[in-house]
Structures are given as C-alpha cells and as structure tokens.
C-alpha cells in the first residue's frame, strides 16, 4: 500500500471513531425501540407529589397567618385533652367525657 492509501484509511477510521463517539448510542442501536409499558403511572406519582407539596405549603401558610388568640385557643384545648386522657388512664372514671371520645 502506498502512503496515499494509508492516508485514506486513516481518515476513514478517524471519521468512523468520531462518528461513533459524537453520534450517540442511537447510531449503534439495532432493532426497533422497545416500549416498556404505559407512562401514566409515573405521571400519577408526579401529580400526587405535586398535590402533596401544594397541600403542605397551604397548611404552613395558613398556620403562619393565625392570630394570637387562635394559637392560645389551640394550646388550651390541646392541654385540656392531654390532662383528661392522663386522668382517665390513671383510673379517674368519674369525669364527664367530651363528645365523640370513647374510653378504652
């Protein structure tokens, strides 16, 4: 082979290597693309995560905008419920039960 033939061969091999590197994996794929199933379950997962994020953000924003009296009312009711449950657990069954609660 002459030097011109080697030069032509080098250019072809170099072009093939560059084409393989920069063309991506689709250039070497064989056969038809494979369908892995429906995409709607993944969409539902992302939609559920988005809804959960929006609900959490709404709850945090609403909690931050409460007035001082609303916060105090919440603390008072929670404290009274804890006291009632602890007394019931100790055996003080003579207390009047709040509506909707059952003693187990």
C-alpha atoms as a PDB file:
ATOM      1  CA  UNK A   1       0.000   0.000   0.000  1.00  0.00           C
ATOM      2  CA  UNK A   2       1.162   3.435  -0.731  1.00  0.00           C
ATOM      3  CA  UNK A   3       1.180   6.337   1.653  1.00  0.00           C
ATOM      4  CA  UNK A   4      -1.903   7.758  -0.088  1.00  0.00           C
ATOM      5  CA  UNK A   5      -3.824   4.547   0.688  1.00  0.00           C
ATOM      6  CA  UNK A   6      -2.758   4.680   4.355  1.00  0.00           C
ATOM      7  CA  UNK A   7      -3.784   8.312   4.490  1.00  0.00           C
ATOM      8  CA  UNK A   8      -7.232   7.471   3.076  1.00  0.00           C
ATOM      9  CA  UNK A   9      -7.590   4.526   5.501  1.00  0.00           C
ATOM     10  CA  UNK A  10      -6.610   6.717   8.480  1.00  0.00           C
ATOM     11  CA  UNK A  11      -9.165   9.326   7.504  1.00  0.00           C
ATOM     12  CA  UNK A  12     -11.914   6.702   7.230  1.00  0.00           C
ATOM     13  CA  UNK A  13     -11.064   5.118  10.592  1.00  0.00           C
ATOM     14  CA  UNK A  14     -10.829   8.532  12.236  1.00  0.00           C
ATOM     15  CA  UNK A  15     -14.170   9.559  10.792  1.00  0.00           C
ATOM     16  CA  UNK A  16     -15.760   6.299  11.993  1.00  0.00           C
ATOM     17  CA  UNK A  17     -14.381   6.772  15.525  1.00  0.00           C
ATOM     18  CA  UNK A  18     -15.556  10.383  15.720  1.00  0.00           C
ATOM     19  CA  UNK A  19     -18.978   9.476  14.320  1.00  0.00           C
ATOM     20  CA  UNK A  20     -19.327   6.698  16.920  1.00  0.00           C
ATOM     21  CA  UNK A  21     -18.313   8.998  19.790  1.00  0.00           C
ATOM     22  CA  UNK A  22     -20.404  12.034  18.863  1.00  0.00           C
ATOM     23  CA  UNK A  23     -23.446  10.462  17.201  1.00  0.00           C
ATOM     24  CA  UNK A  24     -24.652   8.912  20.462  1.00  0.00           C
ATOM     25  CA  UNK A  25     -25.920   5.479  21.271  1.00  0.00           C
ATOM     26  CA  UNK A  26     -28.813   5.702  18.792  1.00  0.00           C
ATOM     27  CA  UNK A  27     -26.359   5.381  15.929  1.00  0.00           C
ATOM     28  CA  UNK A  28     -25.393   1.902  17.134  1.00  0.00           C
ATOM     29  CA  UNK A  29     -28.875   0.714  18.135  1.00  0.00           C
ATOM     30  CA  UNK A  30     -30.169  -2.400  16.460  1.00  0.00           C
ATOM     31  CA  UNK A  31     -33.840  -3.193  16.043  1.00  0.00           C
ATOM     32  CA  UNK A  32     -36.966  -1.258  16.850  1.00  0.00           C
ATOM     33  CA  UNK A  33     -37.329   0.816  20.019  1.00  0.00           C
ATOM     34  CA  UNK A  34     -38.715  -1.128  22.976  1.00  0.00           C
ATOM     35  CA  UNK A  35     -41.911   0.050  24.702  1.00  0.00           C
ATOM     36  CA  UNK A  36     -41.582  -0.527  28.454  1.00  0.00           C
ATOM     37  CA  UNK A  37     -45.233   0.000  29.362  1.00  0.00           C
ATOM     38  CA  UNK A  38     -47.621   2.887  29.878  1.00  0.00           C
ATOM     39  CA  UNK A  39     -46.332   6.186  31.199  1.00  0.00           C
ATOM     40  CA  UNK A  40     -49.448   7.205  33.142  1.00  0.00           C
ATOM     41  CA  UNK A  41     -48.416   5.509  36.454  1.00  0.00           C
ATOM     42  CA  UNK A  42     -45.300   7.669  36.564  1.00  0.00           C
ATOM     43  CA  UNK A  43     -47.419  10.702  35.749  1.00  0.00           C
ATOM     44  CA  UNK A  44     -49.754   9.854  38.626  1.00  0.00           C
ATOM     45  CA  UNK A  45     -46.820   9.602  41.020  1.00  0.00           C
ATOM     46  CA  UNK A  46     -45.528  13.030  39.997  1.00  0.00           C
ATOM     47  CA  UNK A  47     -49.030  14.539  40.124  1.00  0.00           C
ATOM     48  CA  UNK A  48     -49.558  13.096  43.612  1.00  0.00           C
ATOM     49  CA  UNK A  49     -46.253  14.520  44.793  1.00  0.00           C
ATOM     50  CA  UNK A  50     -47.213  17.926  43.376  1.00  0.00           C
ATOM     51  CA  UNK A  51     -50.610  17.862  45.111  1.00  0.00           C
ATOM     52  CA  UNK A  52     -48.987  16.826  48.392  1.00  0.00           C
ATOM     53  CA  UNK A  53     -46.492  19.671  48.100  1.00  0.00           C
ATOM     54  CA  UNK A  54     -49.254  22.182  47.431  1.00  0.00           C
ATOM     55  CA  UNK A  55     -51.302  20.957  50.397  1.00  0.00           C
ATOM     56  CA  UNK A  56     -48.286  21.165  52.709  1.00  0.00           C
ATOM     57  CA  UNK A  57     -47.465  24.679  51.506  1.00  0.00           C
ATOM     58  CA  UNK A  58     -51.094  25.754  52.034  1.00  0.00           C
ATOM     59  CA  UNK A  59     -51.113  24.322  55.566  1.00  0.00           C
ATOM     60  CA  UNK A  60     -47.869  26.038  56.504  1.00  0.00           C
ATOM     61  CA  UNK A  61     -49.042  29.385  55.115  1.00  0.00           C
ATOM     62  CA  UNK A  62     -52.390  29.085  56.882  1.00  0.00           C
ATOM     63  CA  UNK A  63     -50.739  28.165  60.182  1.00  0.00           C
ATOM     64  CA  UNK A  64     -48.434  31.188  59.993  1.00  0.00           C
ATOM     65  CA  UNK A  65     -51.337  33.572  59.487  1.00  0.00           C
ATOM     66  CA  UNK A  66     -53.202  32.564  62.675  1.00  0.00           C
ATOM     67  CA  UNK A  67     -53.843  35.254  65.277  1.00  0.00           C
ATOM     68  CA  UNK A  68     -52.522  35.131  68.818  1.00  0.00           C
ATOM     69  CA  UNK A  69     -55.963  34.250  70.208  1.00  0.00           C
ATOM     70  CA  UNK A  70     -56.333  31.317  67.776  1.00  0.00           C
ATOM     71  CA  UNK A  71     -52.929  29.965  68.808  1.00  0.00           C
ATOM     72  CA  UNK A  72     -53.831  30.299  72.512  1.00  0.00           C
ATOM     73  CA  UNK A  73     -57.163  28.534  71.961  1.00  0.00           C
ATOM     74  CA  UNK A  74     -55.400  25.639  70.232  1.00  0.00           C
ATOM     75  CA  UNK A  75     -52.882  25.305  73.073  1.00  0.00           C
ATOM     76  CA  UNK A  76     -55.607  25.412  75.731  1.00  0.00           C
ATOM     77  CA  UNK A  77     -57.771  22.764  74.069  1.00  0.00           C
ATOM     78  CA  UNK A  78     -54.779  20.502  73.465  1.00  0.00           C
ATOM     79  CA  UNK A  79     -53.651  20.837  77.089  1.00  0.00           C
ATOM     80  CA  UNK A  80     -57.123  20.028  78.415  1.00  0.00           C
ATOM     81  CA  UNK A  81     -57.354  16.936  76.213  1.00  0.00           C
ATOM     82  CA  UNK A  82     -53.957  15.701  77.414  1.00  0.00           C
ATOM     83  CA  UNK A  83     -54.983  16.270  81.055  1.00  0.00           C
ATOM     84  CA  UNK A  84     -58.296  14.457  80.518  1.00  0.00           C
ATOM     85  CA  UNK A  85     -56.643  11.469  78.891  1.00  0.00           C
ATOM     86  CA  UNK A  86     -53.968  11.194  81.576  1.00  0.00           C
ATOM     87  CA  UNK A  87     -56.594  11.309  84.324  1.00  0.00           C
ATOM     88  CA  UNK A  88     -58.633   8.656  82.549  1.00  0.00           C
ATOM     89  CA  UNK A  89     -55.579   6.477  82.177  1.00  0.00           C
ATOM     90  CA  UNK A  90     -54.960   6.741  85.936  1.00  0.00           C
ATOM     91  CA  UNK A  91     -58.466   5.499  86.663  1.00  0.00           C
ATOM     92  CA  UNK A  92     -60.443   8.684  87.335  1.00  0.00           C
ATOM     93  CA  UNK A  93     -63.527   7.475  85.513  1.00  0.00           C
ATOM     94  CA  UNK A  94     -65.881   9.965  87.203  1.00  0.00           C
ATOM     95  CA  UNK A  95     -65.068  12.680  84.648  1.00  0.00           C
ATOM     96  CA  UNK A  96     -67.572  13.745  82.029  1.00  0.00           C
ATOM     97  CA  UNK A  97     -66.406  12.525  78.630  1.00  0.00           C
ATOM     98  CA  UNK A  98     -66.069  15.053  75.811  1.00  0.00           C
ATOM     99  CA  UNK A  99     -68.394  14.425  72.861  1.00  0.00           C
ATOM    100  CA  UNK A 100     -67.176  11.850  70.394  1.00  0.00           C
ATOM    101  CA  UNK A 101     -64.457  10.302  72.583  1.00  0.00           C
ATOM    102  CA  UNK A 102     -64.549   6.812  73.964  1.00  0.00           C
ATOM    103  CA  UNK A 103     -62.702   5.417  76.946  1.00  0.00           C
ATOM    104  CA  UNK A 104     -60.947   2.180  76.121  1.00  0.00           C
END
